[in-house]
Amino acid sequence: MSNKHKTSILLIGPMGVGKTTISEALAKHYGMPLIDVDGLRKEYYAKMPGYSRDEMHAIHVSGGNLHAYFEPFETQQVEMLLELDEPAVFDFGGGHTVKSEGYFKRICAAFQPYANVVLLTISPDREETIRDLHFDHREGIETQHLEQYNAMNRKFVESGCNEKLAKCVVYRKDKTIEQTLAEIIAWVDQGENNETK
């Protein structure tokens, strides 16, 4: 197993669960670069044949299936990012790891070599997780699109894709950011200790 596969941390989970806050803290703690996978969408998609901002916008406005439209582009982006040479903390968007069968197989293959794949979610109870992450308002999302956002997040939670990818599941229910962070760090460090024995 290469150093990047042993030390990188891949943080996955539904939208709104706190991945960005936790990944920023993990990157600082371990002194690794932070890769905001969602934040790199435009840069990566612009290079991909078939991607059209106009088509994406039309689907968004009409309330169509944006997740299906993004599948090939997100999958390719994940594959490209996980081929980078240096260890990093990866903050994946809610939909990057939830895919239909063919694309999910590719995501699994890209994730497989990595030791530290952490699923951040609310509770083992999926309905409780969905209720907790339901938004009546959310900064950056127009009110008329909240129903679409919540339906998409329900799909992300119900799919079971993240559970199949995860090597560690951390539940946020009744925990502070600090407690959640400490739990992840303890798990990552235990893995590193096992490697050296």
C-alpha atoms as a PDB file:
ATOM      1  CA  MET A   1       0.000   0.000   0.000  1.00  0.00           C
ATOM      2  CA  SER A   2       1.457   3.367  -1.007  1.00  0.00           C
ATOM      3  CA  ASN A   3       1.859   6.256   1.440  1.00  0.00           C
ATOM      4  CA  LYS A   4      -0.994   8.222  -0.144  1.00  0.00           C
ATOM      5  CA  HIS A   5      -3.292   5.191   0.216  1.00  0.00           C
ATOM      6  CA  LYS A   6      -2.317   4.698   3.885  1.00  0.00           C
ATOM      7  CA  THR A   7      -2.456   8.321   5.042  1.00  0.00           C
ATOM      8  CA  SER A   8      -5.066  10.105   2.917  1.00  0.00           C
ATOM      9  CA  ILE A   9      -8.515  10.540   4.471  1.00  0.00           C
ATOM     10  CA  LEU A  10     -11.622  10.295   2.287  1.00  0.00           C
ATOM     11  CA  LEU A  11     -14.634  11.873   3.985  1.00  0.00           C
ATOM     12  CA  ILE A  12     -18.015  10.936   2.526  1.00  0.00           C
ATOM     13  CA  GLY A  13     -21.652  11.387   3.546  1.00  0.00           C
ATOM     14  CA  PRO A  14     -24.912  13.186   2.742  1.00  0.00           C
ATOM     15  CA  MET A  15     -25.255  16.928   2.247  1.00  0.00           C
ATOM     16  CA  GLY A  16     -25.366  19.107   5.335  1.00  0.00           C
ATOM     17  CA  VAL A  17     -23.813  16.585   7.739  1.00  0.00           C
ATOM     18  CA  GLY A  18     -20.703  18.691   8.449  1.00  0.00           C
ATOM     19  CA  LYS A  19     -18.112  17.137   6.127  1.00  0.00           C
ATOM     20  CA  THR A  20     -16.532  20.475   5.196  1.00  0.00           C
ATOM     21  CA  THR A  21     -16.004  21.589   8.794  1.00  0.00           C
ATOM     22  CA  ILE A  22     -14.577  18.203   9.796  1.00  0.00           C
ATOM     23  CA  SER A  23     -12.364  17.845   6.722  1.00  0.00           C
ATOM     24  CA  GLU A  24     -10.868  21.312   7.276  1.00  0.00           C
ATOM     25  CA  ALA A  25     -10.029  20.355  10.867  1.00  0.00           C
ATOM     26  CA  LEU A  26      -8.571  16.994   9.787  1.00  0.00           C
ATOM     27  CA  ALA A  27      -6.369  18.649   7.160  1.00  0.00           C
ATOM     28  CA  LYS A  28      -5.069  21.086   9.767  1.00  0.00           C
ATOM     29  CA  HIS A  29      -4.499  18.343  12.359  1.00  0.00           C
ATOM     30  CA  TYR A  30      -2.531  16.105   9.979  1.00  0.00           C
ATOM     31  CA  GLY A  31      -0.831  18.904   8.041  1.00  0.00           C
ATOM     32  CA  MET A  32      -2.215  17.607   4.741  1.00  0.00           C
ATOM     33  CA  PRO A  33      -3.723  19.567   1.877  1.00  0.00           C
ATOM     34  CA  LEU A  34      -7.527  19.704   1.724  1.00  0.00           C
ATOM     35  CA  ILE A  35      -9.178  18.785  -1.561  1.00  0.00           C
ATOM     36  CA  ASP A  36     -12.695  20.206  -1.809  1.00  0.00           C
ATOM     37  CA  VAL A  37     -14.111  17.870  -4.455  1.00  0.00           C
ATOM     38  CA  ASP A  38     -17.319  19.902  -4.887  1.00  0.00           C
ATOM     39  CA  GLY A  39     -15.318  23.109  -5.183  1.00  0.00           C
ATOM     40  CA  LEU A  40     -13.325  21.652  -8.101  1.00  0.00           C
ATOM     41  CA  ARG A  41     -16.385  20.673 -10.156  1.00  0.00           C
ATOM     42  CA  LYS A  42     -16.265  23.556 -12.621  1.00  0.00           C
ATOM     43  CA  GLU A  43     -12.531  23.235 -13.205  1.00  0.00           C
ATOM     44  CA  TYR A  44     -12.742  19.499 -13.924  1.00  0.00           C
ATOM     45  CA  TYR A  45     -16.053  19.395 -15.792  1.00  0.00           C
ATOM     46  CA  ALA A  46     -14.944  22.135 -18.183  1.00  0.00           C
ATOM     47  CA  LYS A  47     -12.342  19.703 -19.553  1.00  0.00           C
ATOM     48  CA  MET A  48     -14.794  16.824 -20.048  1.00  0.00           C
ATOM     49  CA  PRO A  49     -16.474  16.103 -23.394  1.00  0.00           C
ATOM     50  CA  GLY A  50     -20.258  16.280 -23.231  1.00  0.00           C
ATOM     51  CA  TYR A  51     -20.534  18.626 -20.278  1.00  0.00           C
ATOM     52  CA  SER A  52     -22.677  21.724 -20.860  1.00  0.00           C
ATOM     53  CA  ARG A  53     -23.401  24.393 -18.260  1.00  0.00           C
ATOM     54  CA  ASP A  54     -26.445  25.449 -20.295  1.00  0.00           C
ATOM     55  CA  GLU A  55     -27.854  21.911 -20.266  1.00  0.00           C
ATOM     56  CA  MET A  56     -27.129  21.561 -16.552  1.00  0.00           C
ATOM     57  CA  HIS A  57     -28.855  24.876 -15.834  1.00  0.00           C
ATOM     58  CA  ALA A  58     -31.911  23.883 -17.902  1.00  0.00           C
ATOM     59  CA  ILE A  59     -32.261  20.617 -15.952  1.00  0.00           C
ATOM     60  CA  HIS A  60     -31.874  22.501 -12.661  1.00  0.00           C
ATOM     61  CA  VAL A  61     -34.526  25.102 -13.544  1.00  0.00           C
ATOM     62  CA  SER A  62     -36.989  22.470 -14.764  1.00  0.00           C
ATOM     63  CA  GLY A  63     -36.563  20.372 -11.597  1.00  0.00           C
ATOM     64  CA  GLY A  64     -35.138  17.478 -13.613  1.00  0.00           C
ATOM     65  CA  ASN A  65     -32.730  14.765 -12.468  1.00  0.00           C
ATOM     66  CA  LEU A  66     -29.469  16.640 -11.970  1.00  0.00           C
ATOM     67  CA  HIS A  67     -27.894  13.727 -10.138  1.00  0.00           C
ATOM     68  CA  ALA A  68     -28.248  11.481 -13.191  1.00  0.00           C
ATOM     69  CA  TYR A  69     -26.817  14.206 -15.437  1.00  0.00           C
ATOM     70  CA  PHE A  70     -23.758  14.598 -13.211  1.00  0.00           C
ATOM     71  CA  GLU A  71     -23.019  10.870 -12.824  1.00  0.00           C
ATOM     72  CA  PRO A  72     -20.466  10.440 -15.638  1.00  0.00           C
ATOM     73  CA  PHE A  73     -18.720  13.727 -14.854  1.00  0.00           C
ATOM     74  CA  GLU A  74     -18.585  13.161 -11.095  1.00  0.00           C
ATOM     75  CA  THR A  75     -17.297   9.629 -11.574  1.00  0.00           C
ATOM     76  CA  GLN A  76     -14.511  10.775 -13.865  1.00  0.00           C
ATOM     77  CA  GLN A  77     -13.626  13.610 -11.487  1.00  0.00           C
ATOM     78  CA  VAL A  78     -13.357  11.195  -8.529  1.00  0.00           C
ATOM     79  CA  GLU A  79     -11.120   8.872 -10.535  1.00  0.00           C
ATOM     80  CA  MET A  80      -8.858  11.728 -11.603  1.00  0.00           C
ATOM     81  CA  LEU A  81      -8.542  13.198  -8.101  1.00  0.00           C
ATOM     82  CA  LEU A  82      -7.770   9.860  -6.471  1.00  0.00           C
ATOM     83  CA  GLU A  83      -4.907   9.350  -8.915  1.00  0.00           C
ATOM     84  CA  LEU A  84      -3.074  12.400  -7.495  1.00  0.00           C
ATOM     85  CA  ASP A  85       0.318  11.505  -6.030  1.00  0.00           C
ATOM     86  CA  GLU A  86       0.301  13.321  -2.688  1.00  0.00           C
ATOM     87  CA  PRO A  87      -1.646  12.324   0.452  1.00  0.00           C
ATOM     88  CA  ALA A  88      -4.586  14.630   1.207  1.00  0.00           C
ATOM     89  CA  VAL A  89      -7.889  14.981   3.007  1.00  0.00           C
ATOM     90  CA  PHE A  90     -10.693  14.666   0.452  1.00  0.00           C
ATOM     91  CA  ASP A  91     -14.033  16.359   1.189  1.00  0.00           C
ATOM     92  CA  PHE A  92     -16.521  14.682  -1.171  1.00  0.00           C
ATOM     93  CA  GLY A  93     -19.853  16.228  -2.110  1.00  0.00           C
ATOM     94  CA  GLY A  94     -22.976  14.318  -1.105  1.00  0.00           C
ATOM     95  CA  GLY A  95     -23.558  12.924  -4.587  1.00  0.00           C
ATOM     96  CA  HIS A  96     -20.001  12.065  -5.600  1.00  0.00           C
ATOM     97  CA  THR A  97     -20.189   8.588  -4.069  1.00  0.00           C
ATOM     98  CA  VAL A  98     -23.848   7.720  -4.740  1.00  0.00           C
ATOM     99  CA  LYS A  99     -24.163   6.248  -8.202  1.00  0.00           C
ATOM    100  CA  SER A 100     -26.089   3.773 -10.332  1.00  0.00           C
ATOM    101  CA  GLU A 101     -24.509   0.343 -10.672  1.00  0.00           C
ATOM    102  CA  GLY A 102     -21.992   0.854 -13.498  1.00  0.00           C
ATOM    103  CA  TYR A 103     -20.682   4.158 -12.208  1.00  0.00           C
ATOM    104  CA  PHE A 104     -20.659   2.888  -8.616  1.00  0.00           C
ATOM    105  CA  LYS A 105     -18.355   0.022  -9.612  1.00  0.00           C
ATOM    106  CA  ARG A 106     -15.894   2.597 -10.900  1.00  0.00           C
ATOM    107  CA  ILE A 107     -16.161   4.612  -7.672  1.00  0.00           C
ATOM    108  CA  CYS A 108     -15.549   1.424  -5.637  1.00  0.00           C
ATOM    109  CA  ALA A 109     -12.448   0.625  -7.689  1.00  0.00           C
ATOM    110  CA  ALA A 110     -11.080   4.149  -7.165  1.00  0.00           C
ATOM    111  CA  PHE A 111     -11.733   4.025  -3.397  1.00  0.00           C
ATOM    112  CA  GLN A 112     -10.586   0.442  -2.804  1.00  0.00           C
ATOM    113  CA  PRO A 113      -6.838   1.086  -2.222  1.00  0.00           C
ATOM    114  CA  TYR A 114      -7.479   3.775   0.404  1.00  0.00           C
ATOM    115  CA  ALA A 115      -7.359   2.767   4.078  1.00  0.00           C
ATOM    116  CA  ASN A 116      -9.146   5.776   5.614  1.00  0.00           C
ATOM    117  CA  VAL A 117     -12.610   6.060   4.078  1.00  0.00           C
ATOM    118  CA  VAL A 118     -14.861   7.686   6.684  1.00  0.00           C
ATOM    119  CA  LEU A 119     -18.633   7.965   6.362  1.00  0.00           C
ATOM    120  CA  LEU A 120     -19.988  10.897   8.354  1.00  0.00           C
ATOM    121  CA  THR A 121     -23.720  10.643   8.987  1.00  0.00           C
ATOM    122  CA  ILE A 122     -26.264  11.381  11.702  1.00  0.00           C
ATOM    123  CA  SER A 123     -27.530   8.033  12.947  1.00  0.00           C
ATOM    124  CA  PRO A 124     -27.766   4.334  12.038  1.00  0.00           C
ATOM    125  CA  ASP A 125     -31.487   5.053  11.555  1.00  0.00           C
ATOM    126  CA  ARG A 126     -31.795   6.354   8.005  1.00  0.00           C
ATOM    127  CA  GLU A 127     -35.154   8.050   8.596  1.00  0.00           C
ATOM    128  CA  GLU A 128     -33.740   9.882  11.591  1.00  0.00           C
ATOM    129  CA  THR A 129     -30.792  10.991   9.456  1.00  0.00           C
ATOM    130  CA  ILE A 130     -33.112  12.217   6.697  1.00  0.00           C
ATOM    131  CA  ARG A 131     -35.280  14.128   9.195  1.00  0.00           C
ATOM    132  CA  ASP A 132     -32.234  15.723  10.802  1.00  0.00           C
ATOM    133  CA  LEU A 133     -30.799  16.832   7.450  1.00  0.00           C
ATOM    134  CA  HIS A 134     -34.113  18.132   6.051  1.00  0.00           C
ATOM    135  CA  PHE A 135     -33.893  21.834   5.254  1.00  0.00           C
ATOM    136  CA  ASP A 136     -36.754  24.328   5.352  1.00  0.00           C
ATOM    137  CA  HIS A 137     -34.151  26.909   4.363  1.00  0.00           C
ATOM    138  CA  ARG A 138     -30.460  26.688   3.490  1.00  0.00           C
ATOM    139  CA  GLU A 139     -27.998  29.395   2.575  1.00  0.00           C
ATOM    140  CA  GLY A 140     -27.234  29.410  -1.135  1.00  0.00           C
ATOM    141  CA  ILE A 141     -30.342  27.425  -2.119  1.00  0.00           C
ATOM    142  CA  GLU A 142     -33.413  29.225  -3.395  1.00  0.00           C
ATOM    143  CA  THR A 143     -36.646  28.290  -1.631  1.00  0.00           C
ATOM    144  CA  GLN A 144     -38.205  26.784  -4.756  1.00  0.00           C
ATOM    145  CA  HIS A 145     -35.287  24.349  -5.066  1.00  0.00           C
ATOM    146  CA  LEU A 146     -35.328  23.093  -1.456  1.00  0.00           C
ATOM    147  CA  GLU A 147     -37.759  20.273  -2.236  1.00  0.00           C
ATOM    148  CA  GLN A 148     -35.412  19.058  -4.985  1.00  0.00           C
ATOM    149  CA  TYR A 149     -32.428  19.373  -2.604  1.00  0.00           C
ATOM    150  CA  ASN A 150     -34.156  17.408   0.175  1.00  0.00           C
ATOM    151  CA  ALA A 151     -35.313  14.682  -2.237  1.00  0.00           C
ATOM    152  CA  MET A 152     -31.772  14.328  -3.540  1.00  0.00           C
ATOM    153  CA  ASN A 153     -30.353  14.055  -0.024  1.00  0.00           C
ATOM    154  CA  ARG A 154     -32.959  11.400   0.832  1.00  0.00           C
ATOM    155  CA  LYS A 155     -31.712   9.409  -2.152  1.00  0.00           C
ATOM    156  CA  PHE A 156     -28.118   9.791  -0.973  1.00  0.00           C
ATOM    157  CA  VAL A 157     -28.997   8.436   2.490  1.00  0.00           C
ATOM    158  CA  GLU A 158     -31.269   5.610   1.297  1.00  0.00           C
ATOM    159  CA  SER A 159     -28.962   4.335  -1.454  1.00  0.00           C
ATOM    160  CA  GLY A 160     -26.586   2.472   0.865  1.00  0.00           C
ATOM    161  CA  CYS A 161     -23.670   3.354  -1.433  1.00  0.00           C
ATOM    162  CA  ASN A 162     -21.713   5.192   1.252  1.00  0.00           C
ATOM    163  CA  GLU A 163     -22.002   2.289   3.702  1.00  0.00           C
ATOM    164  CA  LYS A 164     -20.490  -0.015   1.058  1.00  0.00           C
ATOM    165  CA  LEU A 165     -17.534   2.332   0.538  1.00  0.00           C
ATOM    166  CA  ALA A 166     -16.863   3.224   4.178  1.00  0.00           C
ATOM    167  CA  LYS A 167     -14.185   1.583   6.293  1.00  0.00           C
ATOM    168  CA  CYS A 168     -15.324   3.607   9.316  1.00  0.00           C
ATOM    169  CA  VAL A 169     -18.767   5.077  10.094  1.00  0.00           C
ATOM    170  CA  VAL A 170     -19.015   8.034  12.481  1.00  0.00           C
ATOM    171  CA  TYR A 171     -22.415   9.177  13.736  1.00  0.00           C
ATOM    172  CA  ARG A 172     -22.912  12.868  14.539  1.00  0.00           C
ATOM    173  CA  LYS A 173     -26.043  12.483  16.703  1.00  0.00           C
ATOM    174  CA  ASP A 174     -25.566  14.124  20.110  1.00  0.00           C
ATOM    175  CA  LYS A 175     -21.886  14.862  19.419  1.00  0.00           C
ATOM    176  CA  THR A 176     -20.068  18.157  19.110  1.00  0.00           C
ATOM    177  CA  ILE A 177     -17.725  18.883  16.221  1.00  0.00           C
ATOM    178  CA  GLU A 178     -14.814  18.343  18.617  1.00  0.00           C
ATOM    179  CA  GLN A 179     -16.096  14.928  19.729  1.00  0.00           C
ATOM    180  CA  THR A 180     -16.706  13.874  16.131  1.00  0.00           C
ATOM    181  CA  LEU A 181     -13.235  15.001  15.107  1.00  0.00           C
ATOM    182  CA  ALA A 182     -11.628  13.176  18.044  1.00  0.00           C
ATOM    183  CA  GLU A 183     -13.413   9.944  17.093  1.00  0.00           C
ATOM    184  CA  ILE A 184     -12.137  10.109  13.510  1.00  0.00           C
ATOM    185  CA  ILE A 185      -8.589  10.957  14.579  1.00  0.00           C
ATOM    186  CA  ALA A 186      -8.552   8.069  17.068  1.00  0.00           C
ATOM    187  CA  TRP A 187      -9.681   5.660  14.347  1.00  0.00           C
ATOM    188  CA  VAL A 188      -7.149   6.930  11.771  1.00  0.00           C
ATOM    189  CA  ASP A 189      -4.304   6.856  14.299  1.00  0.00           C
ATOM    190  CA  GLN A 190      -5.216   3.318  15.422  1.00  0.00           C
ATOM    191  CA  GLY A 191      -4.892   2.192  11.799  1.00  0.00           C
ATOM    192  CA  GLU A 192      -1.469   3.828  11.511  1.00  0.00           C
ATOM    193  CA  ASN A 193      -0.372   2.146  14.741  1.00  0.00           C
ATOM    194  CA  ASN A 194      -1.483  -1.236  13.425  1.00  0.00           C
ATOM    195  CA  GLU A 195       0.580  -0.684  10.260  1.00  0.00           C
ATOM    196  CA  THR A 196       3.750  -0.215  12.260  1.00  0.00           C
ATOM    197  CA  LYS A 197       3.374  -3.316  14.488  1.00  0.00           C
END
